[in-house]
Amino acid sequence: MKKILIVFAAFLFASTFVSADEITIKPYQKGDWSSILNLADGKPMAVHFWGVTCAPCVKEMPQWSKFLLSDKAAKVVFVQVEDVSPEMIRKMLRQANLGNANNYYITSSFDERLRYEIDPKWRGETPITIFIDKAGKQKMTVGSVNFQSVKAWFKGAS
């Protein structure tokens, strides 16, 4: 029985490391904004744009994880916008405990044409969160968010 428990514990330990490397990040490119909006499926959703080297983003990402743990029904999509390796993105998502979130990364230069498709007034600053209510109306928040406000928004937008 002891051998079985040791083998089982070793399996669990090894599978933890395998799954940590299997964080899925989907490519995002010009023309994908409408596909992201369709993910809302008539429900409130937030799309959070962030960067690996953005100091406020590094601080805020674990807070998003805590928020999602407290509100499992909330739909949030994360889009990493910097030209960095997928390994760097996965590392930060792992550290923020967002490996199971709906994660995307920009596959090309994050230029004005790509941003214009999302919001013509957006100049590319991060972090930025776009809140989309169930009617499809969008509200943009530049900079870090107040998670009490985020919680209230999701509750009121439902």
C-alpha atoms as a PDB file:
ATOM      1  CA  MET A   1       0.000   0.000   0.000  1.00  0.00           C
ATOM      2  CA  LYS A   2       2.881   2.324   0.835  1.00  0.00           C
ATOM      3  CA  LYS A   3       4.434   1.746  -2.600  1.00  0.00           C
ATOM      4  CA  ILE A   4       1.136   2.612  -4.291  1.00  0.00           C
ATOM      5  CA  LEU A   5       0.880   5.851  -2.331  1.00  0.00           C
ATOM      6  CA  ILE A   6       4.474   6.777  -3.196  1.00  0.00           C
ATOM      7  CA  VAL A   7       3.909   6.056  -6.902  1.00  0.00           C
ATOM      8  CA  PHE A   8       0.644   8.018  -6.839  1.00  0.00           C
ATOM      9  CA  ALA A   9       2.320  10.984  -5.100  1.00  0.00           C
ATOM     10  CA  ALA A  10       5.170  10.914  -7.634  1.00  0.00           C
ATOM     11  CA  PHE A  11       2.640  10.878 -10.488  1.00  0.00           C
ATOM     12  CA  LEU A  12       0.782  13.866  -9.032  1.00  0.00           C
ATOM     13  CA  PHE A  13       4.050  15.730  -8.522  1.00  0.00           C
ATOM     14  CA  ALA A  14       5.198  15.066 -12.102  1.00  0.00           C
ATOM     15  CA  SER A  15       1.814  15.895 -13.638  1.00  0.00           C
ATOM     16  CA  THR A  16       1.834  19.269 -11.871  1.00  0.00           C
ATOM     17  CA  PHE A  17       4.978  20.229 -13.758  1.00  0.00           C
ATOM     18  CA  VAL A  18       3.663  18.982 -17.088  1.00  0.00           C
ATOM     19  CA  SER A  19       0.399  20.914 -16.804  1.00  0.00           C
ATOM     20  CA  ALA A  20       2.203  24.105 -15.760  1.00  0.00           C
ATOM     21  CA  ASP A  21       3.974  24.160 -19.122  1.00  0.00           C
ATOM     22  CA  GLU A  22       0.743  23.569 -21.007  1.00  0.00           C
ATOM     23  CA  ILE A  23      -0.687  27.049 -20.474  1.00  0.00           C
ATOM     24  CA  THR A  24      -2.671  27.829 -23.583  1.00  0.00           C
ATOM     25  CA  ILE A  25      -2.209  31.238 -25.166  1.00  0.00           C
ATOM     26  CA  LYS A  26      -4.036  31.804 -28.417  1.00  0.00           C
ATOM     27  CA  PRO A  27      -2.764  34.063 -31.186  1.00  0.00           C
ATOM     28  CA  TYR A  28      -4.494  37.406 -31.692  1.00  0.00           C
ATOM     29  CA  GLN A  29      -4.101  39.338 -34.920  1.00  0.00           C
ATOM     30  CA  LYS A  30      -5.787  42.016 -36.981  1.00  0.00           C
ATOM     31  CA  GLY A  31      -9.424  41.116 -37.543  1.00  0.00           C
ATOM     32  CA  ASP A  32      -9.802  39.083 -34.335  1.00  0.00           C
ATOM     33  CA  TRP A  33     -11.575  41.788 -32.289  1.00  0.00           C
ATOM     34  CA  SER A  34     -15.009  40.717 -33.566  1.00  0.00           C
ATOM     35  CA  SER A  35     -14.210  37.107 -32.602  1.00  0.00           C
ATOM     36  CA  ILE A  36     -13.275  38.248 -29.097  1.00  0.00           C
ATOM     37  CA  LEU A  37     -16.538  40.220 -28.837  1.00  0.00           C
ATOM     38  CA  ASN A  38     -18.478  37.120 -29.880  1.00  0.00           C
ATOM     39  CA  LEU A  39     -17.076  35.288 -26.845  1.00  0.00           C
ATOM     40  CA  ALA A  40     -19.371  37.421 -24.681  1.00  0.00           C
ATOM     41  CA  ASP A  41     -22.369  35.575 -26.118  1.00  0.00           C
ATOM     42  CA  GLY A  42     -24.803  38.181 -24.758  1.00  0.00           C
ATOM     43  CA  LYS A  43     -23.223  38.272 -21.299  1.00  0.00           C
ATOM     44  CA  PRO A  44     -21.020  40.915 -19.660  1.00  0.00           C
ATOM     45  CA  MET A  45     -17.335  40.489 -20.395  1.00  0.00           C
ATOM     46  CA  ALA A  46     -14.057  42.308 -19.734  1.00  0.00           C
ATOM     47  CA  VAL A  47     -11.099  42.285 -22.101  1.00  0.00           C
ATOM     48  CA  HIS A  48      -7.864  43.169 -20.346  1.00  0.00           C
ATOM     49  CA  PHE A  49      -4.849  44.238 -22.432  1.00  0.00           C
ATOM     50  CA  TRP A  50      -1.539  43.895 -20.621  1.00  0.00           C
ATOM     51  CA  GLY A  51       2.212  43.556 -21.150  1.00  0.00           C
ATOM     52  CA  VAL A  52       4.899  41.404 -19.572  1.00  0.00           C
ATOM     53  CA  THR A  53       7.235  44.390 -19.039  1.00  0.00           C
ATOM     54  CA  CYS A  54       4.477  46.779 -17.892  1.00  0.00           C
ATOM     55  CA  ALA A  55       5.050  47.344 -14.148  1.00  0.00           C
ATOM     56  CA  PRO A  56       1.386  48.104 -13.316  1.00  0.00           C
ATOM     57  CA  CYS A  57       0.385  45.001 -15.298  1.00  0.00           C
ATOM     58  CA  VAL A  58       2.786  42.778 -13.326  1.00  0.00           C
ATOM     59  CA  LYS A  59       1.259  44.069 -10.095  1.00  0.00           C
ATOM     60  CA  GLU A  60      -2.339  43.795 -11.314  1.00  0.00           C
ATOM     61  CA  MET A  61      -2.409  40.349 -12.924  1.00  0.00           C
ATOM     62  CA  PRO A  62      -2.478  38.397  -9.609  1.00  0.00           C
ATOM     63  CA  GLN A  63      -5.387  40.623  -8.546  1.00  0.00           C
ATOM     64  CA  TRP A  64      -7.278  39.534 -11.659  1.00  0.00           C
ATOM     65  CA  SER A  65      -6.685  35.953 -10.572  1.00  0.00           C
ATOM     66  CA  LYS A  66      -8.138  36.649  -7.122  1.00  0.00           C
ATOM     67  CA  PHE A  67     -11.110  38.388  -8.717  1.00  0.00           C
ATOM     68  CA  LEU A  68     -11.810  35.414 -10.997  1.00  0.00           C
ATOM     69  CA  LEU A  69     -11.596  33.046  -8.041  1.00  0.00           C
ATOM     70  CA  SER A  70     -14.185  35.149  -6.214  1.00  0.00           C
ATOM     71  CA  ASP A  71     -16.489  35.465  -9.244  1.00  0.00           C
ATOM     72  CA  LYS A  72     -16.309  32.269 -11.255  1.00  0.00           C
ATOM     73  CA  ALA A  73     -19.121  33.410 -13.584  1.00  0.00           C
ATOM     74  CA  ALA A  74     -17.230  36.512 -14.747  1.00  0.00           C
ATOM     75  CA  LYS A  75     -16.003  36.369 -18.340  1.00  0.00           C
ATOM     76  CA  VAL A  76     -12.569  37.932 -18.727  1.00  0.00           C
ATOM     77  CA  VAL A  77     -10.247  37.703 -21.719  1.00  0.00           C
ATOM     78  CA  PHE A  78      -6.568  38.607 -21.365  1.00  0.00           C
ATOM     79  CA  VAL A  79      -4.544  39.880 -24.335  1.00  0.00           C
ATOM     80  CA  GLN A  80      -0.770  40.300 -23.949  1.00  0.00           C
ATOM     81  CA  VAL A  81       0.380  43.051 -26.352  1.00  0.00           C
ATOM     82  CA  GLU A  82       4.188  43.128 -26.187  1.00  0.00           C
ATOM     83  CA  ASP A  83       6.628  41.472 -28.573  1.00  0.00           C
ATOM     84  CA  VAL A  84       7.961  38.874 -26.136  1.00  0.00           C
ATOM     85  CA  SER A  85       8.395  35.124 -26.266  1.00  0.00           C
ATOM     86  CA  PRO A  86       5.495  32.802 -25.448  1.00  0.00           C
ATOM     87  CA  GLU A  87       7.673  31.408 -22.642  1.00  0.00           C
ATOM     88  CA  MET A  88       7.797  34.849 -20.979  1.00  0.00           C
ATOM     89  CA  ILE A  89       4.022  35.171 -21.297  1.00  0.00           C
ATOM     90  CA  ARG A  90       3.428  31.711 -19.843  1.00  0.00           C
ATOM     91  CA  LYS A  91       5.822  32.431 -16.971  1.00  0.00           C
ATOM     92  CA  MET A  92       3.919  35.557 -15.989  1.00  0.00           C
ATOM     93  CA  LEU A  93       0.540  33.861 -16.363  1.00  0.00           C
ATOM     94  CA  ARG A  94       1.785  31.007 -14.180  1.00  0.00           C
ATOM     95  CA  GLN A  95       3.081  33.446 -11.533  1.00  0.00           C
ATOM     96  CA  ALA A  96      -0.247  35.321 -11.572  1.00  0.00           C
ATOM     97  CA  ASN A  97      -2.205  32.053 -11.367  1.00  0.00           C
ATOM     98  CA  LEU A  98      -3.956  32.828 -14.672  1.00  0.00           C
ATOM     99  CA  GLY A  99      -2.818  29.800 -16.642  1.00  0.00           C
ATOM    100  CA  ASN A 100      -6.393  28.548 -17.034  1.00  0.00           C
ATOM    101  CA  ALA A 101      -7.796  31.927 -18.070  1.00  0.00           C
ATOM    102  CA  ASN A 102      -8.813  32.863 -21.609  1.00  0.00           C
ATOM    103  CA  ASN A 103      -5.379  34.101 -22.783  1.00  0.00           C
ATOM    104  CA  TYR A 104      -4.292  35.636 -26.087  1.00  0.00           C
ATOM    105  CA  TYR A 105      -1.118  37.268 -27.352  1.00  0.00           C
ATOM    106  CA  ILE A 106      -0.572  39.721 -30.181  1.00  0.00           C
ATOM    107  CA  THR A 107       1.186  37.914 -33.032  1.00  0.00           C
ATOM    108  CA  SER A 108       2.348  41.009 -34.921  1.00  0.00           C
ATOM    109  CA  SER A 109       3.381  44.535 -34.117  1.00  0.00           C
ATOM    110  CA  PHE A 110       0.885  46.224 -31.819  1.00  0.00           C
ATOM    111  CA  ASP A 111       0.483  49.168 -34.178  1.00  0.00           C
ATOM    112  CA  GLU A 112      -2.213  51.796 -34.670  1.00  0.00           C
ATOM    113  CA  ARG A 113      -4.105  49.699 -37.245  1.00  0.00           C
ATOM    114  CA  LEU A 114      -4.548  46.895 -34.732  1.00  0.00           C
ATOM    115  CA  ARG A 115      -5.503  49.288 -31.922  1.00  0.00           C
ATOM    116  CA  TYR A 116      -7.848  51.262 -34.212  1.00  0.00           C
ATOM    117  CA  GLU A 117      -9.909  48.130 -34.782  1.00  0.00           C
ATOM    118  CA  ILE A 118     -10.433  47.886 -31.015  1.00  0.00           C
ATOM    119  CA  ASP A 119     -10.874  51.607 -30.282  1.00  0.00           C
ATOM    120  CA  PRO A 120      -9.899  54.442 -32.669  1.00  0.00           C
ATOM    121  CA  LYS A 121      -8.869  56.671 -29.724  1.00  0.00           C
ATOM    122  CA  TRP A 122      -6.576  54.122 -28.078  1.00  0.00           C
ATOM    123  CA  ARG A 123      -2.885  55.060 -28.267  1.00  0.00           C
ATOM    124  CA  GLY A 124      -1.575  51.730 -26.939  1.00  0.00           C
ATOM    125  CA  GLU A 125      -1.120  52.401 -23.235  1.00  0.00           C
ATOM    126  CA  THR A 126      -1.375  49.435 -20.857  1.00  0.00           C
ATOM    127  CA  PRO A 127      -2.939  48.167 -18.787  1.00  0.00           C
ATOM    128  CA  ILE A 128      -6.299  48.872 -20.308  1.00  0.00           C
ATOM    129  CA  THR A 129      -9.578  47.071 -19.719  1.00  0.00           C
ATOM    130  CA  ILE A 130     -12.618  47.209 -21.958  1.00  0.00           C
ATOM    131  CA  PHE A 131     -15.872  46.325 -20.239  1.00  0.00           C
ATOM    132  CA  ILE A 132     -18.598  45.070 -22.557  1.00  0.00           C
ATOM    133  CA  ASP A 133     -22.118  44.855 -21.157  1.00  0.00           C
ATOM    134  CA  LYS A 134     -24.724  42.311 -22.277  1.00  0.00           C
ATOM    135  CA  ALA A 135     -26.021  44.791 -24.915  1.00  0.00           C
ATOM    136  CA  GLY A 136     -22.505  45.108 -26.381  1.00  0.00           C
ATOM    137  CA  LYS A 137     -21.861  48.653 -25.098  1.00  0.00           C
ATOM    138  CA  GLN A 138     -18.173  49.171 -24.359  1.00  0.00           C
ATOM    139  CA  LYS A 139     -16.529  51.179 -21.592  1.00  0.00           C
ATOM    140  CA  MET A 140     -12.742  51.576 -21.493  1.00  0.00           C
ATOM    141  CA  THR A 141     -10.665  51.940 -18.321  1.00  0.00           C
ATOM    142  CA  VAL A 142      -7.053  53.041 -18.802  1.00  0.00           C
ATOM    143  CA  GLY A 143      -4.623  52.018 -16.072  1.00  0.00           C
ATOM    144  CA  SER A 144      -5.114  49.631 -13.195  1.00  0.00           C
ATOM    145  CA  VAL A 145      -8.689  48.879 -12.197  1.00  0.00           C
ATOM    146  CA  ASN A 146     -10.390  49.007  -8.823  1.00  0.00           C
ATOM    147  CA  PHE A 147     -11.596  45.464  -8.253  1.00  0.00           C
ATOM    148  CA  GLN A 148     -14.521  46.525  -6.057  1.00  0.00           C
ATOM    149  CA  SER A 149     -15.708  48.551  -9.075  1.00  0.00           C
ATOM    150  CA  VAL A 150     -15.085  45.576 -11.389  1.00  0.00           C
ATOM    151  CA  LYS A 151     -17.141  43.327  -9.113  1.00  0.00           C
ATOM    152  CA  ALA A 152     -19.951  45.927  -8.974  1.00  0.00           C
ATOM    153  CA  TRP A 153     -19.844  46.376 -12.761  1.00  0.00           C
ATOM    154  CA  PHE A 154     -20.211  42.633 -13.418  1.00  0.00           C
ATOM    155  CA  LYS A 155     -23.062  42.451 -10.920  1.00  0.00           C
ATOM    156  CA  GLY A 156     -24.852  45.448 -12.460  1.00  0.00           C
ATOM    157  CA  ALA A 157     -24.182  44.488 -16.085  1.00  0.00           C
ATOM    158  CA  SER A 158     -25.738  41.036 -15.735  1.00  0.00           C
END
